[in-house]
C-alpha atoms as a PDB file:
ATOM      1  CA  MET A   1      12.567 -76.351  37.397  1.00  0.00           C
ATOM      2  CA  LEU A   2      12.136 -80.120  37.300  1.00  0.00           C
ATOM      3  CA  VAL A   3      12.152 -81.672  33.821  1.00  0.00           C
ATOM      4  CA  SER A   4      10.763 -85.180  33.333  1.00  0.00           C
ATOM      5  CA  LEU A   5      12.725 -86.807  30.512  1.00  0.00           C
ATOM      6  CA  LEU A   6      10.843 -89.772  29.071  1.00  0.00           C
ATOM      7  CA  THR A   7      13.300 -92.186  27.513  1.00  0.00           C
ATOM      8  CA  SER A   8      13.849 -95.870  26.771  1.00  0.00           C
ATOM      9  CA  GLY A   9      16.452 -97.966  28.538  1.00  0.00           C
ATOM     10  CA  PRO A  10      19.170 -96.851  30.950  1.00  0.00           C
ATOM     11  CA  PRO A  11      20.653 -93.398  30.272  1.00  0.00           C
ATOM     12  CA  GLU A  12      24.216 -94.782  30.476  1.00  0.00           C
ATOM     13  CA  GLN A  13      24.004 -96.368  27.008  1.00  0.00           C
ATOM     14  CA  VAL A  14      26.805 -95.507  24.601  1.00  0.00           C
ATOM     15  CA  THR A  15      25.147 -93.375  21.923  1.00  0.00           C
ATOM     16  CA  GLY A  16      25.154 -89.686  21.100  1.00  0.00           C
ATOM     17  CA  GLY A  17      21.533 -89.233  22.186  1.00  0.00           C
ATOM     18  CA  TYR A  18      22.035 -90.807  25.582  1.00  0.00           C
ATOM     19  CA  LEU A  19      25.264 -88.847  26.069  1.00  0.00           C
ATOM     20  CA  TYR A  20      23.277 -85.661  25.378  1.00  0.00           C
ATOM     21  CA  HIS A  21      20.781 -86.589  28.097  1.00  0.00           C
ATOM     22  CA  LEU A  22      23.436 -87.489  30.653  1.00  0.00           C
ATOM     23  CA  ARG A  23      25.330 -84.264  30.125  1.00  0.00           C
ATOM     24  CA  MET A  24      22.117 -82.254  30.439  1.00  0.00           C
ATOM     25  CA  ALA A  25      21.273 -84.016  33.701  1.00  0.00           C
ATOM     26  CA  GLU A  26      24.772 -83.358  35.039  1.00  0.00           C
ATOM     27  CA  LEU A  27      24.717 -79.675  34.130  1.00  0.00           C
ATOM     28  CA  ALA A  28      21.084 -78.910  35.028  1.00  0.00           C
ATOM     29  CA  PRO A  29      21.921 -77.884  38.626  1.00  0.00           C
ATOM     30  CA  ASP A  30      24.198 -75.097  37.323  1.00  0.00           C
ATOM     31  CA  GLY A  31      21.042 -73.223  36.309  1.00  0.00           C
ATOM     32  CA  GLY A  32      18.921 -74.363  39.243  1.00  0.00           C
ATOM     33  CA  ASP A  33      17.230 -77.128  37.234  1.00  0.00           C
ATOM     34  CA  ARG A  34      16.917 -80.881  37.647  1.00  0.00           C
ATOM     35  CA  VAL A  35      16.250 -83.801  35.292  1.00  0.00           C
ATOM     36  CA  GLU A  36      14.419 -86.979  36.283  1.00  0.00           C
ATOM     37  CA  PHE A  37      14.665 -89.938  33.933  1.00  0.00           C
ATOM     38  CA  VAL A  38      11.305 -91.649  33.440  1.00  0.00           C
ATOM     39  CA  PRO A  39      11.586 -95.058  31.707  1.00  0.00           C
ATOM     40  CA  VAL A  40       9.009 -95.720  29.003  1.00  0.00           C
ATOM     41  CA  ARG A  41       7.630 -99.241  28.701  1.00  0.00           C
ATOM     42  CA  PRO A  42       5.101-100.559  26.162  1.00  0.00           C
ATOM     43  CA  GLY A  43       1.509-100.421  27.369  1.00  0.00           C
ATOM     44  CA  ARG A  44       2.232 -98.379  30.493  1.00  0.00           C
ATOM     45  CA  ASP A  45       1.347 -94.717  30.949  1.00  0.00           C
ATOM     46  CA  PRO A  46       4.646 -92.814  31.421  1.00  0.00           C
ATOM     47  CA  MET A  47       2.805 -89.575  32.196  1.00  0.00           C
ATOM     48  CA  ALA A  48       1.570 -91.013  35.478  1.00  0.00           C
ATOM     49  CA  ARG A  49       5.180 -91.280  36.662  1.00  0.00           C
ATOM     50  CA  ALA A  50       6.363 -87.889  35.353  1.00  0.00           C
ATOM     51  CA  ALA A  51       6.504 -85.316  38.159  1.00  0.00           C
ATOM     52  CA  GLY A  52       8.188 -82.486  36.247  1.00  0.00           C
ATOM     53  CA  GLU A  53       6.875 -79.051  35.407  1.00  0.00           C
ATOM     54  CA  VAL A  54       7.834 -79.848  31.801  1.00  0.00           C
ATOM     55  CA  VAL A  55       7.636 -83.265  30.131  1.00  0.00           C
ATOM     56  CA  LEU A  56      10.429 -83.809  27.588  1.00  0.00           C
ATOM     57  CA  VAL A  57      10.162 -86.865  25.316  1.00  0.00           C
ATOM     58  CA  ASP A  58      13.214 -88.535  23.792  1.00  0.00           C
ATOM     59  CA  SER A  59      12.674 -89.286  20.100  1.00  0.00           C
ATOM     60  CA  ILE A  60      13.731 -92.897  20.636  1.00  0.00           C
ATOM     61  CA  CYS A  61      10.463 -93.568  22.489  1.00  0.00           C
ATOM     62  CA  ALA A  62       8.121 -91.015  20.871  1.00  0.00           C
ATOM     63  CA  ALA A  63       5.967 -93.738  19.292  1.00  0.00           C
ATOM     64  CA  LEU A  64       5.414 -95.413  22.668  1.00  0.00           C
ATOM     65  CA  VAL A  65       4.481 -92.110  24.306  1.00  0.00           C
ATOM     66  CA  ALA A  66       2.096 -90.990  21.546  1.00  0.00           C
ATOM     67  CA  PRO A  67      -1.008 -92.848  22.846  1.00  0.00           C
ATOM     68  CA  TRP A  68      -0.576 -91.232  26.279  1.00  0.00           C
ATOM     69  CA  ALA A  69       0.425 -87.729  25.173  1.00  0.00           C
ATOM     70  CA  GLY A  70      -2.968 -86.165  25.942  1.00  0.00           C
ATOM     71  CA  ARG A  71      -2.430 -86.946  29.602  1.00  0.00           C
ATOM     72  CA  ALA A  72       0.440 -84.434  29.819  1.00  0.00           C
ATOM     73  CA  ALA A  73      -1.989 -81.509  30.187  1.00  0.00           C
ATOM     74  CA  PRO A  74      -1.815 -79.037  31.735  1.00  0.00           C
ATOM     75  CA  ARG A  75       1.971 -79.438  31.781  1.00  0.00           C
ATOM     76  CA  PRO A  76       3.796 -78.302  28.628  1.00  0.00           C
ATOM     77  CA  LEU A  77       5.037 -81.111  26.414  1.00  0.00           C
ATOM     78  CA  ALA A  78       8.291 -80.975  24.434  1.00  0.00           C
ATOM     79  CA  ALA A  79      10.368 -83.467  22.467  1.00  0.00           C
ATOM     80  CA  ILE A  80      14.066 -83.742  21.732  1.00  0.00           C
ATOM     81  CA  LEU A  81      14.795 -85.193  18.290  1.00  0.00           C
ATOM     82  CA  HIS A  82      18.003 -87.183  17.797  1.00  0.00           C
ATOM     83  CA  GLN A  83      16.566 -88.973  14.754  1.00  0.00           C
ATOM     84  CA  PRO A  84      13.818 -88.391  12.172  1.00  0.00           C
ATOM     85  CA  PRO A  85      10.316 -89.836  12.633  1.00  0.00           C
ATOM     86  CA  GLY A  86      10.549 -93.594  12.150  1.00  0.00           C
ATOM     87  CA  GLY A  87      14.146 -93.776  13.351  1.00  0.00           C
ATOM     88  CA  ILE A  88      17.245 -94.730  11.403  1.00  0.00           C
ATOM     89  CA  ASP A  89      17.958 -98.327  12.373  1.00  0.00           C
ATOM     90  CA  HIS A  90      14.730-100.115  11.377  1.00  0.00           C
ATOM     91  CA  GLY A  91      13.400-101.805   8.257  1.00  0.00           C
ATOM     92  CA  PRO A  92      10.937 -99.985   5.969  1.00  0.00           C
ATOM     93  CA  VAL A  93       7.747-101.515   7.410  1.00  0.00           C
ATOM     94  CA  ARG A  94       8.521-100.689  11.021  1.00  0.00           C
ATOM     95  CA  ARG A  95       9.941 -97.294  10.056  1.00  0.00           C
ATOM     96  CA  LEU A  96       6.714 -96.320   8.265  1.00  0.00           C
ATOM     97  CA  ALA A  97       4.487 -97.399  11.156  1.00  0.00           C
ATOM     98  CA  GLN A  98       6.689 -95.777  13.779  1.00  0.00           C
ATOM     99  CA  ALA A  99       6.930 -92.531  11.799  1.00  0.00           C
ATOM    100  CA  ARG A 100       3.155 -92.065  11.965  1.00  0.00           C
ATOM    101  CA  LEU A 101       3.173 -92.418  15.748  1.00  0.00           C
ATOM    102  CA  ASP A 102       6.258 -90.233  16.124  1.00  0.00           C
ATOM    103  CA  ARG A 103       4.620 -87.436  14.122  1.00  0.00           C
ATOM    104  CA  ARG A 104       1.431 -87.808  16.153  1.00  0.00           C
ATOM    105  CA  LEU A 105       3.419 -87.147  19.318  1.00  0.00           C
ATOM    106  CA  TYR A 106       5.456 -84.272  17.844  1.00  0.00           C
ATOM    107  CA  ARG A 107       2.348 -82.417  16.671  1.00  0.00           C
ATOM    108  CA  ARG A 108       1.140 -82.356  20.269  1.00  0.00           C
ATOM    109  CA  CYS A 109       4.385 -80.771  21.448  1.00  0.00           C
ATOM    110  CA  ALA A 110       4.728 -77.039  22.027  1.00  0.00           C
ATOM    111  CA  LEU A 111       8.506 -77.266  21.489  1.00  0.00           C
ATOM    112  CA  LEU A 112      10.620 -79.534  19.296  1.00  0.00           C
ATOM    113  CA  VAL A 113      14.366 -79.533  19.860  1.00  0.00           C
ATOM    114  CA  ALA A 114      16.431 -80.828  16.934  1.00  0.00           C
ATOM    115  CA  ALA A 115      20.016 -81.905  17.516  1.00  0.00           C
ATOM    116  CA  SER A 116      21.276 -80.558  14.187  1.00  0.00           C
ATOM    117  CA  GLU A 117      20.505 -78.353  11.199  1.00  0.00           C
ATOM    118  CA  ALA A 118      20.525 -81.422   8.961  1.00  0.00           C
ATOM    119  CA  LEU A 119      17.879 -83.080  11.097  1.00  0.00           C
ATOM    120  CA  ARG A 120      15.772 -79.916  11.210  1.00  0.00           C
ATOM    121  CA  ASP A 121      15.830 -79.666   7.425  1.00  0.00           C
ATOM    122  CA  GLN A 122      14.835 -83.317   7.147  1.00  0.00           C
ATOM    123  CA  VAL A 123      11.855 -83.199   9.516  1.00  0.00           C
ATOM    124  CA  VAL A 124      10.269 -80.042   8.084  1.00  0.00           C
ATOM    125  CA  ALA A 125      10.350 -81.503   4.560  1.00  0.00           C
ATOM    126  CA  PRO A 126       7.913 -84.096   3.163  1.00  0.00           C
ATOM    127  CA  PRO A 127       6.796 -86.588   4.295  1.00  0.00           C
ATOM    128  CA  HIS A 128       7.151 -85.362   7.895  1.00  0.00           C
ATOM    129  CA  ARG A 129       6.300 -81.642   7.586  1.00  0.00           C
ATOM    130  CA  LEU A 130       6.772 -80.859  11.270  1.00  0.00           C
ATOM    131  CA  PRO A 131       5.864 -77.264  12.184  1.00  0.00           C
ATOM    132  CA  THR A 132       8.872 -74.983  11.745  1.00  0.00           C
ATOM    133  CA  ASP A 133       7.642 -72.440  14.276  1.00  0.00           C
ATOM    134  CA  ARG A 134       8.008 -74.988  17.083  1.00  0.00           C
ATOM    135  CA  LEU A 135      11.447 -76.240  16.049  1.00  0.00           C
ATOM    136  CA  ARG A 136      14.677 -75.079  17.647  1.00  0.00           C
ATOM    137  CA  VAL A 137      18.152 -76.447  16.893  1.00  0.00           C
ATOM    138  CA  ILE A 138      20.227 -77.039  20.028  1.00  0.00           C
ATOM    139  CA  ALA A 139      23.326 -78.984  19.041  1.00  0.00           C
ATOM    140  CA  PRO A 140      25.297 -81.243  21.394  1.00  0.00           C
ATOM    141  CA  GLY A 141      28.412 -79.948  23.089  1.00  0.00           C
ATOM    142  CA  SER A 142      31.800 -80.748  21.613  1.00  0.00           C
ATOM    143  CA  ASP A 143      33.948 -80.857  24.751  1.00  0.00           C
ATOM    144  CA  VAL A 144      34.519 -84.472  25.788  1.00  0.00           C
ATOM    145  CA  SER A 145      35.965 -83.895  29.254  1.00  0.00           C
ATOM    146  CA  GLY A 146      38.468 -81.610  30.940  1.00  0.00           C
ATOM    147  CA  PRO A 147      41.980 -81.006  29.565  1.00  0.00           C
ATOM    148  CA  VAL A 148      43.961 -84.165  28.871  1.00  0.00           C
ATOM    149  CA  ALA A 149      46.263 -84.765  31.828  1.00  0.00           C
ATOM    150  CA  GLY A 150      49.715 -86.273  31.543  1.00  0.00           C
ATOM    151  CA  PRO A 151      51.582 -87.428  28.431  1.00  0.00           C
ATOM    152  CA  VAL A 152      49.640 -88.301  25.302  1.00  0.00           C
ATOM    153  CA  ALA A 153      49.873 -91.952  24.316  1.00  0.00           C
ATOM    154  CA  ASP A 154      51.761 -92.846  21.138  1.00  0.00           C
ATOM    155  CA  LEU A 155      48.932 -94.172  19.006  1.00  0.00           C
ATOM    156  CA  ARG A 156      51.056 -94.456  15.878  1.00  0.00           C
ATOM    157  CA  GLN A 157      52.952 -97.454  17.249  1.00  0.00           C
ATOM    158  CA  GLY A 158      55.923 -96.960  14.951  1.00  0.00           C
ATOM    159  CA  ARG A 159      53.919 -96.030  11.868  1.00  0.00           C
ATOM    160  CA  ARG A 160      53.517 -92.652  10.168  1.00  0.00           C
ATOM    161  CA  ALA A 161      50.059 -91.748  11.472  1.00  0.00           C
ATOM    162  CA  ALA A 162      47.313 -92.751  13.873  1.00  0.00           C
ATOM    163  CA  PHE A 163      43.653 -92.832  12.860  1.00  0.00           C
ATOM    164  CA  VAL A 164      40.839 -93.018  15.405  1.00  0.00           C
ATOM    165  CA  SER A 165      37.216 -94.073  14.895  1.00  0.00           C
ATOM    166  CA  VAL A 166      34.675 -93.783  17.719  1.00  0.00           C
ATOM    167  CA  GLY A 167      31.353 -95.478  17.046  1.00  0.00           C
ATOM    168  CA  ASN A 168      29.384 -98.621  17.808  1.00  0.00           C
ATOM    169  CA  TRP A 169      29.791-101.493  15.379  1.00  0.00           C
ATOM    170  CA  VAL A 170      26.558-101.038  13.431  1.00  0.00           C
ATOM    171  CA  ALA A 171      26.114-101.201   9.686  1.00  0.00           C
ATOM    172  CA  ARG A 172      25.122 -97.573   9.168  1.00  0.00           C
ATOM    173  CA  LYS A 173      28.430 -96.377  10.649  1.00  0.00           C
ATOM    174  CA  GLY A 174      30.420 -98.086   7.902  1.00  0.00           C
ATOM    175  CA  THR A 175      32.907 -99.995  10.046  1.00  0.00           C
ATOM    176  CA  LEU A 176      33.446-102.682   7.399  1.00  0.00           C
ATOM    177  CA  GLU A 177      33.963-100.074   4.687  1.00  0.00           C
ATOM    178  CA  LEU A 178      36.542 -98.360   6.885  1.00  0.00           C
ATOM    179  CA  LEU A 179      38.401-101.643   7.400  1.00  0.00           C
ATOM    180  CA  ASP A 180      38.322-102.438   3.675  1.00  0.00           C
ATOM    181  CA  ALA A 181      39.744 -99.003   2.886  1.00  0.00           C
ATOM    182  CA  PHE A 182      42.379 -99.174   5.615  1.00  0.00           C
ATOM    183  CA  ALA A 183      43.513-102.614   4.444  1.00  0.00           C
ATOM    184  CA  ARG A 184      44.600-101.041   1.123  1.00  0.00           C
ATOM    185  CA  LEU A 185      47.241 -98.942   2.879  1.00  0.00           C
ATOM    186  CA  ALA A 186      50.838-100.138   3.100  1.00  0.00           C
ATOM    187  CA  ASP A 187      51.734-101.652   6.456  1.00  0.00           C
ATOM    188  CA  ASP A 188      53.952 -98.722   7.522  1.00  0.00           C
ATOM    189  CA  ARG A 189      51.314 -96.049   6.872  1.00  0.00           C
ATOM    190  CA  ALA A 190      49.113 -95.957   9.973  1.00  0.00           C
ATOM    191  CA  THR A 191      47.618 -97.654  13.006  1.00  0.00           C
ATOM    192  CA  LEU A 192      43.820 -97.624  13.305  1.00  0.00           C
ATOM    193  CA  HIS A 193      42.113 -97.400  16.708  1.00  0.00           C
ATOM    194  CA  LEU A 194      38.449 -98.422  17.086  1.00  0.00           C
ATOM    195  CA  ALA A 195      36.394 -97.463  20.164  1.00  0.00           C
ATOM    196  CA  GLY A 196      32.736 -98.284  20.795  1.00  0.00           C
ATOM    197  CA  ARG A 197      30.338-101.109  21.526  1.00  0.00           C
ATOM    198  CA  GLU A 198      31.121-104.249  19.589  1.00  0.00           C
ATOM    199  CA  ASP A 199      27.814-106.017  20.312  1.00  0.00           C
ATOM    200  CA  ALA A 200      25.266-103.352  19.306  1.00  0.00           C
ATOM    201  CA  GLU A 201      24.377-105.411  16.197  1.00  0.00           C
ATOM    202  CA  PRO A 202      25.654-108.946  16.951  1.00  0.00           C
ATOM    203  CA  ARG A 203      25.608-110.229  13.362  1.00  0.00           C
ATOM    204  CA  TYR A 204      27.354-107.150  12.037  1.00  0.00           C
ATOM    205  CA  GLY A 205      29.839-107.298  14.908  1.00  0.00           C
ATOM    206  CA  ALA A 206      30.666-110.895  13.953  1.00  0.00           C
ATOM    207  CA  ARG A 207      31.388-109.742  10.387  1.00  0.00           C
ATOM    208  CA  VAL A 208      33.654-106.983  11.691  1.00  0.00           C
ATOM    209  CA  ARG A 209      35.587-109.465  13.857  1.00  0.00           C
ATOM    210  CA  ALA A 210      35.956-111.811  10.880  1.00  0.00           C
ATOM    211  CA  ARG A 211      37.297-108.942   8.769  1.00  0.00           C
ATOM    212  CA  LEU A 212      39.759-107.953  11.486  1.00  0.00           C
ATOM    213  CA  ALA A 213      41.085-111.525  11.571  1.00  0.00           C
ATOM    214  CA  ARG A 214      42.212-111.437   7.943  1.00  0.00           C
ATOM    215  CA  PRO A 215      45.977-111.153   7.313  1.00  0.00           C
ATOM    216  CA  ASP A 216      45.833-107.756   5.575  1.00  0.00           C
ATOM    217  CA  LEU A 217      44.895-106.071   8.883  1.00  0.00           C
ATOM    218  CA  ALA A 218      47.090-108.098  11.213  1.00  0.00           C
ATOM    219  CA  GLY A 219      48.734-105.980  13.897  1.00  0.00           C
ATOM    220  CA  ARG A 220      47.451-102.700  12.499  1.00  0.00           C
ATOM    221  CA  VAL A 221      44.075-102.259  14.219  1.00  0.00           C
ATOM    222  CA  VAL A 222      43.564-101.765  17.966  1.00  0.00           C
ATOM    223  CA  CYS A 223      40.063-102.396  19.376  1.00  0.00           C
ATOM    224  CA  HIS A 224      39.398-100.532  22.611  1.00  0.00           C
ATOM    225  CA  GLY A 225      35.722-101.423  23.125  1.00  0.00           C
ATOM    226  CA  VAL A 226      33.640 -99.074  25.271  1.00  0.00           C
ATOM    227  CA  VAL A 227      35.852 -96.461  26.926  1.00  0.00           C
ATOM    228  CA  SER A 228      35.373 -93.561  29.334  1.00  0.00           C
ATOM    229  CA  ARG A 229      35.088 -89.928  28.283  1.00  0.00           C
ATOM    230  CA  GLU A 230      38.618 -89.355  29.524  1.00  0.00           C
ATOM    231  CA  ALA A 231      39.908 -92.244  27.423  1.00  0.00           C
ATOM    232  CA  VAL A 232      38.096 -90.879  24.349  1.00  0.00           C
ATOM    233  CA  ALA A 233      39.762 -87.511  24.950  1.00  0.00           C
ATOM    234  CA  GLN A 234      43.129 -89.300  25.089  1.00  0.00           C
ATOM    235  CA  LEU A 235      42.394 -90.961  21.750  1.00  0.00           C
ATOM    236  CA  TYR A 236      41.577 -87.618  20.124  1.00  0.00           C
ATOM    237  CA  ALA A 237      44.732 -86.094  21.616  1.00  0.00           C
ATOM    238  CA  GLY A 238      46.894 -88.756  20.009  1.00  0.00           C
ATOM    239  CA  ALA A 239      45.105 -88.966  16.667  1.00  0.00           C
ATOM    240  CA  ASP A 240      46.246 -87.571  13.339  1.00  0.00           C
ATOM    241  CA  ALA A 241      42.743 -87.932  11.861  1.00  0.00           C
ATOM    242  CA  PHE A 242      39.280 -89.083  12.913  1.00  0.00           C
ATOM    243  CA  VAL A 243      37.489 -91.468  10.526  1.00  0.00           C
ATOM    244  CA  LEU A 244      33.822 -92.453  10.611  1.00  0.00           C
ATOM    245  CA  PRO A 245      32.252 -93.297   7.216  1.00  0.00           C
ATOM    246  CA  SER A 246      28.698 -93.221   8.558  1.00  0.00           C
ATOM    247  CA  HIS A 247      25.808 -93.331   6.090  1.00  0.00           C
ATOM    248  CA  ARG A 248      23.188 -91.887   8.461  1.00  0.00           C
ATOM    249  CA  GLU A 249      24.168 -89.581  11.305  1.00  0.00           C
ATOM    250  CA  PRO A 250      21.539 -87.061  12.462  1.00  0.00           C
ATOM    251  CA  TYR A 251      24.250 -85.094  14.273  1.00  0.00           C
ATOM    252  CA  GLY A 252      27.432 -87.084  14.839  1.00  0.00           C
ATOM    253  CA  THR A 253      28.605 -85.916  18.263  1.00  0.00           C
ATOM    254  CA  VAL A 254      31.976 -87.573  17.731  1.00  0.00           C
ATOM    255  CA  TYR A 255      32.692 -85.455  14.652  1.00  0.00           C
ATOM    256  CA  GLY A 256      32.217 -82.326  16.757  1.00  0.00           C
ATOM    257  CA  GLU A 257      34.394 -83.738  19.530  1.00  0.00           C
ATOM    258  CA  ALA A 258      37.201 -84.481  17.073  1.00  0.00           C
ATOM    259  CA  LEU A 259      37.005 -81.004  15.545  1.00  0.00           C
ATOM    260  CA  ALA A 260      37.105 -79.415  19.007  1.00  0.00           C
ATOM    261  CA  ALA A 261      40.275 -81.426  19.662  1.00  0.00           C
ATOM    262  CA  GLY A 262      41.810 -80.068  16.450  1.00  0.00           C
ATOM    263  CA  VAL A 263      41.607 -83.411  14.627  1.00  0.00           C
ATOM    264  CA  PRO A 264      40.617 -83.510  10.921  1.00  0.00           C
ATOM    265  CA  VAL A 265      37.488 -85.561  10.245  1.00  0.00           C
ATOM    266  CA  VAL A 266      36.961 -88.041   7.418  1.00  0.00           C
ATOM    267  CA  GLY A 267      33.637 -89.488   6.346  1.00  0.00           C
ATOM    268  CA  TRP A 268      30.900 -89.731   3.747  1.00  0.00           C
ATOM    269  CA  ARG A 269      28.940 -86.753   2.444  1.00  0.00           C
ATOM    270  CA  ALA A 270      25.887 -87.852   4.401  1.00  0.00           C
ATOM    271  CA  GLY A 271      23.869 -86.890   7.443  1.00  0.00           C
ATOM    272  CA  ASN A 272      25.177 -83.919   9.363  1.00  0.00           C
ATOM    273  CA  LEU A 273      28.864 -84.142   8.455  1.00  0.00           C
ATOM    274  CA  PRO A 274      28.607 -81.657   5.533  1.00  0.00           C
ATOM    275  CA  PHE A 275      27.194 -79.122   8.045  1.00  0.00           C
ATOM    276  CA  LEU A 276      30.235 -79.596  10.283  1.00  0.00           C
ATOM    277  CA  ALA A 277      33.183 -79.895   7.913  1.00  0.00           C
ATOM    278  CA  ARG A 278      34.130 -78.840   4.402  1.00  0.00           C
ATOM    279  CA  HIS A 279      36.118 -81.057   2.072  1.00  0.00           C
ATOM    280  CA  GLY A 280      39.748 -79.968   2.031  1.00  0.00           C
ATOM    281  CA  GLU A 281      39.248 -77.420   4.823  1.00  0.00           C
ATOM    282  CA  GLU A 282      38.464 -79.205   8.109  1.00  0.00           C
ATOM    283  CA  GLY A 283      38.691 -82.733   6.800  1.00  0.00           C
ATOM    284  CA  VAL A 284      37.833 -85.024   3.916  1.00  0.00           C
ATOM    285  CA  VAL A 285      34.182 -85.459   2.879  1.00  0.00           C
ATOM    286  CA  LEU A 286      33.675 -88.162   0.264  1.00  0.00           C
ATOM    287  CA  GLU A 287      30.821 -89.623  -1.751  1.00  0.00           C
ATOM    288  CA  PRO A 288      29.095 -92.390   0.217  1.00  0.00           C
ATOM    289  CA  GLY A 289      30.445 -95.871  -0.410  1.00  0.00           C
ATOM    290  CA  ASP A 290      33.552 -94.817  -2.362  1.00  0.00           C
ATOM    291  CA  VAL A 291      36.004 -97.135  -0.609  1.00  0.00           C
ATOM    292  CA  PRO A 292      38.906 -96.502  -3.049  1.00  0.00           C
ATOM    293  CA  ALA A 293      38.580 -92.739  -2.464  1.00  0.00           C
ATOM    294  CA  LEU A 294      38.523 -93.321   1.294  1.00  0.00           C
ATOM    295  CA  ALA A 295      41.675 -95.444   1.036  1.00  0.00           C
ATOM    296  CA  ALA A 296      43.390 -92.748  -1.039  1.00  0.00           C
ATOM    297  CA  ALA A 297      42.432 -90.053   1.478  1.00  0.00           C
ATOM    298  CA  LEU A 298      43.773 -92.094   4.397  1.00  0.00           C
ATOM    299  CA  ASP A 299      46.979 -92.797   2.510  1.00  0.00           C
ATOM    300  CA  ARG A 300      47.528 -89.099   1.803  1.00  0.00           C
ATOM    301  CA  LEU A 301      46.772 -88.182   5.412  1.00  0.00           C
ATOM    302  CA  ALA A 302      49.410 -90.671   6.509  1.00  0.00           C
ATOM    303  CA  VAL A 303      52.202 -89.445   4.218  1.00  0.00           C
ATOM    304  CA  ASP A 304      51.429 -85.760   3.492  1.00  0.00           C
ATOM    305  CA  GLU A 305      52.217 -84.049   6.780  1.00  0.00           C
ATOM    306  CA  PRO A 306      51.820 -80.423   5.523  1.00  0.00           C
ATOM    307  CA  TRP A 307      48.316 -81.227   4.224  1.00  0.00           C
ATOM    308  CA  ARG A 308      47.489 -82.966   7.477  1.00  0.00           C
ATOM    309  CA  ARG A 309      48.627 -79.904   9.464  1.00  0.00           C
ATOM    310  CA  LYS A 310      46.519 -77.631   7.241  1.00  0.00           C
ATOM    311  CA  LEU A 311      43.418 -79.727   7.865  1.00  0.00           C
ATOM    312  CA  ALA A 312      44.168 -79.877  11.588  1.00  0.00           C
ATOM    313  CA  ALA A 313      44.360 -76.076  11.755  1.00  0.00           C
ATOM    314  CA  GLY A 314      41.021 -75.827   9.967  1.00  0.00           C
ATOM    315  CA  ALA A 315      39.525 -78.412  12.304  1.00  0.00           C
ATOM    316  CA  ALA A 316      40.689 -76.446  15.355  1.00  0.00           C
ATOM    317  CA  ARG A 317      39.135 -73.229  14.020  1.00  0.00           C
ATOM    318  CA  ARG A 318      35.833 -74.964  13.304  1.00  0.00           C
ATOM    319  CA  GLY A 319      35.896 -76.774  16.623  1.00  0.00           C
ATOM    320  CA  ALA A 320      36.375 -73.515  18.532  1.00  0.00           C
ATOM    321  CA  ALA A 321      33.066 -72.254  17.087  1.00  0.00           C
ATOM    322  CA  LEU A 322      31.057 -75.308  18.198  1.00  0.00           C
ATOM    323  CA  PRO A 323      29.048 -75.174  21.433  1.00  0.00           C
ATOM    324  CA  THR A 324      30.295 -76.575  24.710  1.00  0.00           C
ATOM    325  CA  TRP A 325      28.040 -78.769  26.808  1.00  0.00           C
ATOM    326  CA  SER A 326      27.508 -75.875  29.210  1.00  0.00           C
ATOM    327  CA  GLU A 327      26.282 -73.718  26.334  1.00  0.00           C
ATOM    328  CA  THR A 328      24.013 -76.527  25.136  1.00  0.00           C
ATOM    329  CA  ALA A 329      22.546 -76.912  28.621  1.00  0.00           C
ATOM    330  CA  ALA A 330      21.950 -73.158  28.947  1.00  0.00           C
ATOM    331  CA  ALA A 331      20.119 -73.121  25.594  1.00  0.00           C
ATOM    332  CA  LEU A 332      18.014 -76.211  26.329  1.00  0.00           C
ATOM    333  CA  PHE A 333      16.915 -75.273  29.834  1.00  0.00           C
ATOM    334  CA  GLY A 334      16.350 -71.675  28.761  1.00  0.00           C
ATOM    335  CA  ALA A 335      13.948 -72.903  26.068  1.00  0.00           C
ATOM    336  CA  LEU A 336      12.192 -75.227  28.519  1.00  0.00           C
ATOM    337  CA  ARG A 337      11.826 -72.460  31.094  1.00  0.00           C
ATOM    338  CA  GLU A 338      10.258 -70.215  28.441  1.00  0.00           C
ATOM    339  CA  LEU A 339       7.864 -73.027  27.645  1.00  0.00           C
ATOM    340  CA  ALA A 340       6.937 -73.512  31.301  1.00  0.00           C
ATOM    341  CA  ALA A 341       6.439 -69.766  31.852  1.00  0.00           C
ATOM    342  CA  GLY A 342       4.161 -69.505  28.816  1.00  0.00           C
ATOM    343  CA  ALA A 343       1.963 -72.298  30.154  1.00  0.00           C
ATOM    344  CA  ARG A 344       1.278 -70.588  33.491  1.00  0.00           C
END
């Protein structure tokens, strides 16, 4: 089966949604399927360039596809939701306008795939009220790459612990709050490693760089920039805890990856994190914006090794129950094949 995936921009971009698409395209041949990426551009009919038996629309471009959605017939139309209608990175005016178009597209779809339970709950509730009978949760895989080869790098760098954060430098991911919390720790406590795009939001990135330049963080934070899957796996392997105080995360693929690597996760009680980890069991889940509590949690993780081992064991158990990318691909293409068969 050929699936036409309508999306915006190159699929190699460093976000959870694009990673989902790339892994699906890589694994599609295992089940005899194939994915073609169809770029969506304003004012141009993407349906005319979609050759697949099923048309699958990425939520990032749902509003642009909405005016052309009627042209998908007689092929079945589906959408994969990595964010709620209106998106999560826009101002209120654009979000409201985009949400109307997003919902218009989704109501034409015979299948809606949500990336998490948190997102499903959000889109079926007011004001979106998407039809529950068409919604299916198919979460991302949690395996980053194959087994880590060779010795694991010493990320602690002479300190008591190593913390890793994987995420682009954007305001909603709380990078500045993480740095403010980490700066409260004594110098010998931990080394912090940051991986991800540093230019996703240029103004915010400039603020992060200015914060990193202050004396209270000197020599304690390592910025890796964009790294390969294998390098991310190496970071998880050497980490004592994973920290991402994100305020809005429809799924949070990196949380699942960390748990699968047996690394406790730390973040705000927001988005999908409460569906993945319990406070004091698989990690530390704090009230959003509580920087002193985040600093205290990081300090305890650095010095209380028995507690850290307990959380790591819980993380490993939870991670073992999360889907692999192969399982995600089997679920997604199975649902799309059912859709295609029902349309014949």
